[in-house]
Structure formats: C-alpha cells, structure tokens
C-alpha atoms as a PDB file:
ATOM      1  CA  VAL A   1     156.989  81.976  98.035  1.00  0.00           C
ATOM      2  CA  ILE A   2     159.901  79.759  98.979  1.00  0.00           C
ATOM      3  CA  VAL A   3     158.872  76.226  99.786  1.00  0.00           C
ATOM      4  CA  SER A   4     161.310  73.561 100.774  1.00  0.00           C
ATOM      5  CA  SER A   5     161.777  70.640  98.382  1.00  0.00           C
ATOM      6  CA  LYS A   6     160.484  68.185 101.012  1.00  0.00           C
ATOM      7  CA  VAL A   7     157.123  70.038 101.153  1.00  0.00           C
ATOM      8  CA  LYS A   8     156.900  70.164  97.352  1.00  0.00           C
ATOM      9  CA  THR A   9     157.567  66.482  97.130  1.00  0.00           C
ATOM     10  CA  PHE A  10     155.040  65.557  99.835  1.00  0.00           C
ATOM     11  CA  PHE A  11     152.121  67.750  98.697  1.00  0.00           C
ATOM     12  CA  GLY A  12     152.855  68.356  95.067  1.00  0.00           C
ATOM     13  CA  PRO A  13     152.509  71.697  93.262  1.00  0.00           C
ATOM     14  CA  SER A  14     148.737  71.483  92.685  1.00  0.00           C
ATOM     15  CA  VAL A  15     147.959  71.135  96.402  1.00  0.00           C
ATOM     16  CA  ILE A  16     150.109  74.143  97.262  1.00  0.00           C
ATOM     17  CA  VAL A  17     148.435  76.280  94.565  1.00  0.00           C
ATOM     18  CA  PHE A  18     144.991  75.115  95.731  1.00  0.00           C
ATOM     19  CA  ALA A  19     145.779  76.026  99.360  1.00  0.00           C
ATOM     20  CA  ALA A  20     147.185  79.407  98.325  1.00  0.00           C
ATOM     21  CA  VAL A  21     144.043  80.205  96.327  1.00  0.00           C
ATOM     22  CA  TRP A  22     141.830  79.280  99.295  1.00  0.00           C
ATOM     23  CA  VAL A  23     143.841  81.410 101.705  1.00  0.00           C
ATOM     24  CA  LEU A  24     143.731  84.328  99.271  1.00  0.00           C
ATOM     25  CA  ALA A  25     139.964  83.904  98.755  1.00  0.00           C
ATOM     26  CA  ILE A  26     139.343  83.839 102.502  1.00  0.00           C
ATOM     27  CA  LEU A  27     141.383  87.010 103.004  1.00  0.00           C
ATOM     28  CA  ILE A  28     139.537  88.795 100.186  1.00  0.00           C
ATOM     29  CA  LEU A  29     136.111  87.767 101.512  1.00  0.00           C
ATOM     30  CA  LYS A  30     137.033  88.858 105.030  1.00  0.00           C
ATOM     31  CA  ALA A  31     138.172  92.243 103.721  1.00  0.00           C
ATOM     32  CA  LEU A  32     134.990  92.674 101.656  1.00  0.00           C
ATOM     33  CA  GLY A  33     132.832  91.646 104.607  1.00  0.00           C
ATOM     34  CA  GLY A  34     134.329  94.407 106.709  1.00  0.00           C
ATOM     35  CA  VAL A  35     133.815  96.994 103.984  1.00  0.00           C
ATOM     36  CA  LEU A  36     130.375  95.946 102.705  1.00  0.00           C
ATOM     37  CA  GLY A  37     128.632  94.371 105.652  1.00  0.00           C
ATOM     38  CA  GLY A  38     130.475  95.849 108.531  1.00  0.00           C
ATOM     39  CA  SER A  39     129.668  94.753 112.012  1.00  0.00           C
ATOM     40  CA  ALA A  40     126.556  95.748 113.892  1.00  0.00           C
ATOM     41  CA  THR A  41     126.969  98.776 116.114  1.00  0.00           C
ATOM     42  CA  PRO A  42     125.130  99.096 119.425  1.00  0.00           C
ATOM     43  CA  ALA A  43     122.847 101.692 117.788  1.00  0.00           C
ATOM     44  CA  ASP A  44     121.776  99.088 115.193  1.00  0.00           C
ATOM     45  CA  MET A  45     120.692  96.685 117.924  1.00  0.00           C
ATOM     46  CA  THR A  46     118.240  98.927 119.780  1.00  0.00           C
ATOM     47  CA  VAL A  47     114.639  97.809 120.004  1.00  0.00           C
ATOM     48  CA  GLU A  48     113.557 100.781 117.876  1.00  0.00           C
ATOM     49  CA  ALA A  49     116.164 100.098 115.151  1.00  0.00           C
ATOM     50  CA  ILE A  50     115.206  96.434 114.971  1.00  0.00           C
ATOM     51  CA  ALA A  51     111.481  97.260 114.881  1.00  0.00           C
ATOM     52  CA  GLU A  52     112.106  99.709 112.024  1.00  0.00           C
ATOM     53  CA  ARG A  53     113.952  97.047 110.008  1.00  0.00           C
ATOM     54  CA  ILE A  54     111.271  94.386 110.443  1.00  0.00           C
ATOM     55  CA  LYS A  55     108.129  96.529 110.194  1.00  0.00           C
ATOM     56  CA  PRO A  56     105.544  95.531 107.562  1.00  0.00           C
ATOM     57  CA  VAL A  57     105.801  97.122 104.151  1.00  0.00           C
ATOM     58  CA  ALA A  58     102.094  97.988 104.071  1.00  0.00           C
ATOM     59  CA  GLN A  59      99.195  98.336 106.478  1.00  0.00           C
ATOM     60  CA  LEU A  60      95.564  97.253 106.224  1.00  0.00           C
ATOM     61  CA  ASN A  61      93.083 100.062 105.563  1.00  0.00           C
ATOM     62  CA  THR A  62      89.852  99.255 107.391  1.00  0.00           C
ATOM     63  CA  GLY A  63      88.096 102.376 106.193  1.00  0.00           C
ATOM     64  CA  ALA A  64      88.521 104.143 109.529  1.00  0.00           C
ATOM     65  CA  PRO A  65      89.664 107.752 109.261  1.00  0.00           C
ATOM     66  CA  ILE A  66      93.389 108.217 108.973  1.00  0.00           C
ATOM     67  CA  VAL A  67      94.735 109.679 112.191  1.00  0.00           C
ATOM     68  CA  ALA A  68      98.043 111.463 111.886  1.00  0.00           C
ATOM     69  CA  GLU A  69     100.621 110.714 114.531  1.00  0.00           C
ATOM     70  CA  ALA A  70     101.498 113.489 116.914  1.00  0.00           C
ATOM     71  CA  ALA A  71     103.718 115.996 115.127  1.00  0.00           C
ATOM     72  CA  PRO A  72     106.956 117.136 116.729  1.00  0.00           C
ATOM     73  CA  ALA A  73     106.737 120.392 118.658  1.00  0.00           C
ATOM     74  CA  ALA A  74     108.748 122.221 115.996  1.00  0.00           C
ATOM     75  CA  ALA A  75     106.213 121.323 113.304  1.00  0.00           C
ATOM     76  CA  ALA A  76     103.199 122.486 115.315  1.00  0.00           C
ATOM     77  CA  PRO A  77     103.454 126.217 114.417  1.00  0.00           C
ATOM     78  CA  ALA A  78     103.691 125.393 110.706  1.00  0.00           C
ATOM     79  CA  GLU A  79     100.537 123.281 110.908  1.00  0.00           C
ATOM     80  CA  ALA A  80      98.678 125.999 112.784  1.00  0.00           C
ATOM     81  CA  ALA A  81      99.546 128.501 110.047  1.00  0.00           C
ATOM     82  CA  ALA A  82      98.138 126.270 107.289  1.00  0.00           C
ATOM     83  CA  PRO A  83      94.494 126.998 106.452  1.00  0.00           C
ATOM     84  CA  ALA A  84      92.017 124.290 107.356  1.00  0.00           C
ATOM     85  CA  ALA A  85      90.568 122.385 104.422  1.00  0.00           C
ATOM     86  CA  ALA A  86      86.958 123.230 103.709  1.00  0.00           C
ATOM     87  CA  ALA A  87      84.479 120.491 104.518  1.00  0.00           C
ATOM     88  CA  ARG A  88      82.980 118.789 101.483  1.00  0.00           C
ATOM     89  CA  SER A  89      79.279 119.118 100.922  1.00  0.00           C
ATOM     90  CA  GLY A  90      76.956 116.141 101.225  1.00  0.00           C
ATOM     91  CA  GLU A  91      76.460 116.171  97.462  1.00  0.00           C
ATOM     92  CA  ASP A  92      80.242 116.129  96.872  1.00  0.00           C
ATOM     93  CA  VAL A  93      80.738 113.184  99.229  1.00  0.00           C
ATOM     94  CA  TYR A  94      77.818 111.323  97.642  1.00  0.00           C
ATOM     95  CA  LYS A  95      79.135 111.912  94.115  1.00  0.00           C
ATOM     96  CA  THR A  96      82.699 110.826  94.971  1.00  0.00           C
ATOM     97  CA  THR A  97      82.085 107.820  97.226  1.00  0.00           C
ATOM     98  CA  CYS A  98      78.463 106.867  97.907  1.00  0.00           C
ATOM     99  CA  VAL A  99      77.324 106.872  94.282  1.00  0.00           C
ATOM    100  CA  ALA A 100      79.269 103.673  93.544  1.00  0.00           C
ATOM    101  CA  CYS A 101      76.710 101.578  95.463  1.00  0.00           C
ATOM    102  CA  HIS A 102      73.692 103.828  95.999  1.00  0.00           C
ATOM    103  CA  ALA A 103      73.186 104.747  92.321  1.00  0.00           C
ATOM    104  CA  ALA A 104      72.709 101.133  91.231  1.00  0.00           C
ATOM    105  CA  GLY A 105      71.589  99.580  94.523  1.00  0.00           C
ATOM    106  CA  ALA A 106      74.665  97.352  94.674  1.00  0.00           C
ATOM    107  CA  ALA A 107      74.694  94.683  97.405  1.00  0.00           C
ATOM    108  CA  GLY A 108      71.314  95.788  98.745  1.00  0.00           C
ATOM    109  CA  ALA A 109      72.161  99.482  99.136  1.00  0.00           C
ATOM    110  CA  PRO A 110      69.012 101.634  98.899  1.00  0.00           C
ATOM    111  CA  LYS A 111      69.041 103.460  95.562  1.00  0.00           C
ATOM    112  CA  PHE A 112      69.344 107.214  95.562  1.00  0.00           C
ATOM    113  CA  GLY A 113      65.839 108.661  95.187  1.00  0.00           C
ATOM    114  CA  ASP A 114      64.013 105.355  95.892  1.00  0.00           C
ATOM    115  CA  THR A 115      61.409 106.496  98.425  1.00  0.00           C
ATOM    116  CA  ALA A 116      60.164 102.954  99.140  1.00  0.00           C
ATOM    117  CA  ALA A 117      63.648 101.659  99.961  1.00  0.00           C
ATOM    118  CA  TRP A 118      64.558 104.690 102.063  1.00  0.00           C
ATOM    119  CA  ALA A 119      61.291 105.090 104.027  1.00  0.00           C
ATOM    120  CA  PRO A 120      61.953 102.380 106.664  1.00  0.00           C
ATOM    121  CA  ARG A 121      65.535 103.565 107.081  1.00  0.00           C
ATOM    122  CA  ILE A 122      64.497 107.206 107.454  1.00  0.00           C
ATOM    123  CA  ALA A 123      61.925 106.115 110.057  1.00  0.00           C
ATOM    124  CA  THR A 124      64.743 104.838 112.313  1.00  0.00           C
ATOM    125  CA  GLY A 125      66.146 108.367 112.614  1.00  0.00           C
ATOM    126  CA  MET A 126      69.402 110.113 111.808  1.00  0.00           C
ATOM    127  CA  ASP A 127      71.265 108.526 114.758  1.00  0.00           C
ATOM    128  CA  ALA A 128      70.521 105.025 113.463  1.00  0.00           C
ATOM    129  CA  LEU A 129      71.456 106.005 109.906  1.00  0.00           C
ATOM    130  CA  MET A 130      74.743 107.479 111.125  1.00  0.00           C
ATOM    131  CA  GLY A 131      75.407 104.359 113.199  1.00  0.00           C
ATOM    132  CA  THR A 132      75.076 102.298 110.014  1.00  0.00           C
ATOM    133  CA  VAL A 133      77.394 104.648 108.128  1.00  0.00           C
ATOM    134  CA  LEU A 134      80.042 104.764 110.856  1.00  0.00           C
ATOM    135  CA  ASN A 135      79.994 101.053 111.738  1.00  0.00           C
ATOM    136  CA  GLY A 136      78.991  99.509 108.421  1.00  0.00           C
ATOM    137  CA  LYS A 137      76.229  97.006 107.748  1.00  0.00           C
ATOM    138  CA  GLY A 138      76.096  93.985 105.471  1.00  0.00           C
ATOM    139  CA  ALA A 139      78.306  94.643 102.459  1.00  0.00           C
ATOM    140  CA  MET A 140      78.774  98.298 103.426  1.00  0.00           C
ATOM    141  CA  PRO A 141      82.132  98.790 105.156  1.00  0.00           C
ATOM    142  CA  PRO A 142      82.528 101.192 108.088  1.00  0.00           C
ATOM    143  CA  ARG A 143      82.377 104.790 106.864  1.00  0.00           C
ATOM    144  CA  GLY A 144      81.118 103.558 103.509  1.00  0.00           C
ATOM    145  CA  THR A 145      84.102 103.804 101.223  1.00  0.00           C
ATOM    146  CA  CYS A 146      85.199 107.221 102.467  1.00  0.00           C
ATOM    147  CA  GLY A 147      87.966 106.583 104.993  1.00  0.00           C
ATOM    148  CA  ASN A 148      89.088 110.206 104.845  1.00  0.00           C
ATOM    149  CA  CYS A 149      85.633 111.775 105.405  1.00  0.00           C
ATOM    150  CA  SER A 150      84.885 113.481 108.685  1.00  0.00           C
ATOM    151  CA  ASP A 151      81.765 112.506 110.635  1.00  0.00           C
ATOM    152  CA  GLU A 152      80.226 115.832 109.611  1.00  0.00           C
ATOM    153  CA  GLU A 153      80.876 115.158 105.920  1.00  0.00           C
ATOM    154  CA  LEU A 154      79.362 111.689 106.215  1.00  0.00           C
ATOM    155  CA  GLN A 155      76.300 113.110 107.950  1.00  0.00           C
ATOM    156  CA  ALA A 156      75.961 115.731 105.211  1.00  0.00           C
ATOM    157  CA  ALA A 157      76.041 112.923 102.615  1.00  0.00           C
ATOM    158  CA  VAL A 158      73.336 110.974 104.490  1.00  0.00           C
ATOM    159  CA  GLU A 159      71.195 114.099 104.770  1.00  0.00           C
ATOM    160  CA  TYR A 160      71.648 114.723 101.037  1.00  0.00           C
ATOM    161  CA  MET A 161      70.522 111.171 100.190  1.00  0.00           C
ATOM    162  CA  VAL A 162      67.574 111.364 102.630  1.00  0.00           C
ATOM    163  CA  GLU A 163      66.415 114.736 101.286  1.00  0.00           C
ATOM    164  CA  ASN A 164      66.428 113.349  97.756  1.00  0.00           C
ATOM    165  CA  SER A 165      64.726 110.089  98.699  1.00  0.00           C
ATOM    166  CA  GLN A 166      61.623 111.293 100.569  1.00  0.00           C
END
C-alpha cells in the first residue's frame, strides 16, 4: 500500500495498521456471514417455516390416548396392509399398568381382591366405573396410567379387577 508521507506523518504508522486490520476484519466477517449465515429466503419466512423453528421441544402427556395425525394418501395403502395389533387382555393391562396402584392400595385405590373396598364401587355399575377410569378421580389420572390403552382394553382391565374382587 502506497501512502503519501503527509498521511504517514499525520496519522502515524500504528493508526494506519490499526485501520487496515479493522477493514480486513470487517471484510472477512462479511464474507463469513454470507457463507455461514446466509440471508433468509422467502421460503424461510413462511408462517409454517417459522412455526416449525419455534415449536416446543416436548409436549405434555395428559394420559389421553395418542392420536396419530392423518397420514398422507400415499401411506394409507401401506397402513391398511399392516395387521392390526391384537387387543390386550384385561389381565395383561392390569399387570402392566393398574397393578402399580391397585396391588398396594396406593393413594386410596381399592386393592385388587379387596371385596369390601370394591363392593360400593361395583354397586355403581360398569358405566360409572368406566367414567372413573376414563376421566380419572382423586390421585388417579385419566385412563389410569395407560395412555395407549383402548377403551375396550381399559374395560377389560376393570372387568378383570371386578371379577377378582367380588
């Protein structure tokens, strides 16, 4: 770089070097910004793209059954070809989910096989028992702790507990 002697005398060599370093740093950062960050394209600024970037990392599980979103039309034939999963028996559901509270009577749950605790509940009828299971009651969350059980599986579990508690 050729600099006139008047400029050198006025600013001094350290000021010129300092300014040159700053200009070089700015040019390098600008070049890196274009390569690394790029500029937002119109596709990046759509409502859907923004919503995807700011969506929560996790979702709250309230115990309600998981409902799959509608599958694309192309995936529908593949799903239809897959065999349906067999429903679990009432005993299986009890042993995998209900036993945690109903074996020990945790949080006021009627113990499995305790005829005195189950008698007033059985007297209310199966519809009332299923209402308690589906909606929860006291410390029992909706659907017990089996968010992936069907209504039929839950009813089978209730029937299994009732049959063994009469």
